[in-house]
Amino acid sequence: MNAPASFEPFLLADGEKKISFEKDTQVPNAAIFTLNREDHTCLSCFLHFECNQHLGDEEQGWL
């Protein structure tokens, strides 16, 4: 079978970092985070919090 092993999408190569950080020079107080070897579940979490911005409100008691 030509399918890759089920663990390959999640294992990092030698020297590869799970997350990288790069300061954005065009926007103040901004950065670019790159997540390596993550599936759609991580993206779904980010999209959920973006769509439900009240989850980060201090008044709601979440922070």
C-alpha atoms as a PDB file:
ATOM      1  CA  MET A   1       0.000   0.000   0.000  1.00  0.00           C
ATOM      2  CA  ASN A   2       1.346   3.468  -0.862  1.00  0.00           C
ATOM      3  CA  ALA A   3      -0.273   5.318   2.028  1.00  0.00           C
ATOM      4  CA  PRO A   4       2.116   7.008   4.476  1.00  0.00           C
ATOM      5  CA  ALA A   5       2.287   5.685   8.019  1.00  0.00           C
ATOM      6  CA  SER A   6      -0.437   7.168  10.225  1.00  0.00           C
ATOM      7  CA  PHE A   7       2.111   8.764  12.592  1.00  0.00           C
ATOM      8  CA  GLU A   8       4.128  10.587   9.890  1.00  0.00           C
ATOM      9  CA  PRO A   9       1.988  13.745   9.814  1.00  0.00           C
ATOM     10  CA  PHE A  10       2.715  14.304  13.521  1.00  0.00           C
ATOM     11  CA  LEU A  11       6.381  13.355  13.988  1.00  0.00           C
ATOM     12  CA  LEU A  12       8.913  16.142  13.655  1.00  0.00           C
ATOM     13  CA  ALA A  13      12.059  15.662  11.618  1.00  0.00           C
ATOM     14  CA  ASP A  14      15.435  16.040  13.322  1.00  0.00           C
ATOM     15  CA  GLY A  15      15.986  19.697  14.152  1.00  0.00           C
ATOM     16  CA  GLU A  16      12.426  20.705  13.243  1.00  0.00           C
ATOM     17  CA  LYS A  17      10.613  22.834  15.832  1.00  0.00           C
ATOM     18  CA  LYS A  18       6.970  22.336  16.771  1.00  0.00           C
ATOM     19  CA  ILE A  19       6.287  26.076  16.777  1.00  0.00           C
ATOM     20  CA  SER A  20       8.225  29.025  15.425  1.00  0.00           C
ATOM     21  CA  PHE A  21       7.836  32.706  16.253  1.00  0.00           C
ATOM     22  CA  GLU A  22       8.610  35.621  13.948  1.00  0.00           C
ATOM     23  CA  LYS A  23       8.006  39.237  14.956  1.00  0.00           C
ATOM     24  CA  ASP A  24       5.956  41.117  12.376  1.00  0.00           C
ATOM     25  CA  THR A  25       7.800  44.261  11.325  1.00  0.00           C
ATOM     26  CA  GLN A  26       4.822  45.842   9.537  1.00  0.00           C
ATOM     27  CA  VAL A  27       2.276  45.713  12.352  1.00  0.00           C
ATOM     28  CA  PRO A  28       3.065  46.895  15.887  1.00  0.00           C
ATOM     29  CA  ASN A  29       2.651  44.333  18.683  1.00  0.00           C
ATOM     30  CA  ALA A  30       2.105  41.502  16.216  1.00  0.00           C
ATOM     31  CA  ALA A  31       3.840  38.230  15.458  1.00  0.00           C
ATOM     32  CA  ILE A  32       3.584  35.286  13.120  1.00  0.00           C
ATOM     33  CA  PHE A  33       3.437  31.846  14.701  1.00  0.00           C
ATOM     34  CA  THR A  34       3.991  28.794  12.520  1.00  0.00           C
ATOM     35  CA  LEU A  35       2.802  25.431  13.819  1.00  0.00           C
ATOM     36  CA  ASN A  36       4.462  22.412  12.225  1.00  0.00           C
ATOM     37  CA  ARG A  37       2.831  19.015  11.865  1.00  0.00           C
ATOM     38  CA  GLU A  38      -0.577  19.936  13.253  1.00  0.00           C
ATOM     39  CA  ASP A  39      -3.860  18.704  11.886  1.00  0.00           C
ATOM     40  CA  HIS A  40      -7.142  20.511  11.359  1.00  0.00           C
ATOM     41  CA  THR A  41      -8.107  20.137  15.033  1.00  0.00           C
ATOM     42  CA  CYS A  42      -5.737  22.919  16.065  1.00  0.00           C
ATOM     43  CA  LEU A  43      -7.143  25.218  13.371  1.00  0.00           C
ATOM     44  CA  SER A  44     -10.683  24.424  14.467  1.00  0.00           C
ATOM     45  CA  CYS A  45      -9.857  25.624  17.991  1.00  0.00           C
ATOM     46  CA  PHE A  46      -8.454  28.913  16.712  1.00  0.00           C
ATOM     47  CA  LEU A  47     -11.459  29.489  14.462  1.00  0.00           C
ATOM     48  CA  HIS A  48     -13.842  28.732  17.325  1.00  0.00           C
ATOM     49  CA  PHE A  49     -12.214  31.354  19.547  1.00  0.00           C
ATOM     50  CA  GLU A  50     -12.120  33.866  16.690  1.00  0.00           C
ATOM     51  CA  CYS A  51     -15.837  33.444  16.045  1.00  0.00           C
ATOM     52  CA  ASN A  52     -16.662  33.588  19.767  1.00  0.00           C
ATOM     53  CA  GLN A  53     -14.643  36.579  20.866  1.00  0.00           C
ATOM     54  CA  HIS A  54     -16.587  36.860  24.118  1.00  0.00           C
ATOM     55  CA  LEU A  55     -14.634  33.807  25.346  1.00  0.00           C
ATOM     56  CA  GLY A  56     -11.602  36.029  25.913  1.00  0.00           C
ATOM     57  CA  ASP A  57     -13.423  38.819  27.739  1.00  0.00           C
ATOM     58  CA  GLU A  58     -12.202  39.466  31.254  1.00  0.00           C
ATOM     59  CA  GLU A  59     -15.745  40.412  32.271  1.00  0.00           C
ATOM     60  CA  GLN A  60     -16.874  36.896  31.394  1.00  0.00           C
ATOM     61  CA  GLY A  61     -14.304  35.446  33.790  1.00  0.00           C
ATOM     62  CA  TRP A  62     -12.396  33.465  31.176  1.00  0.00           C
ATOM     63  CA  LEU A  63      -9.031  35.173  31.637  1.00  0.00           C
END
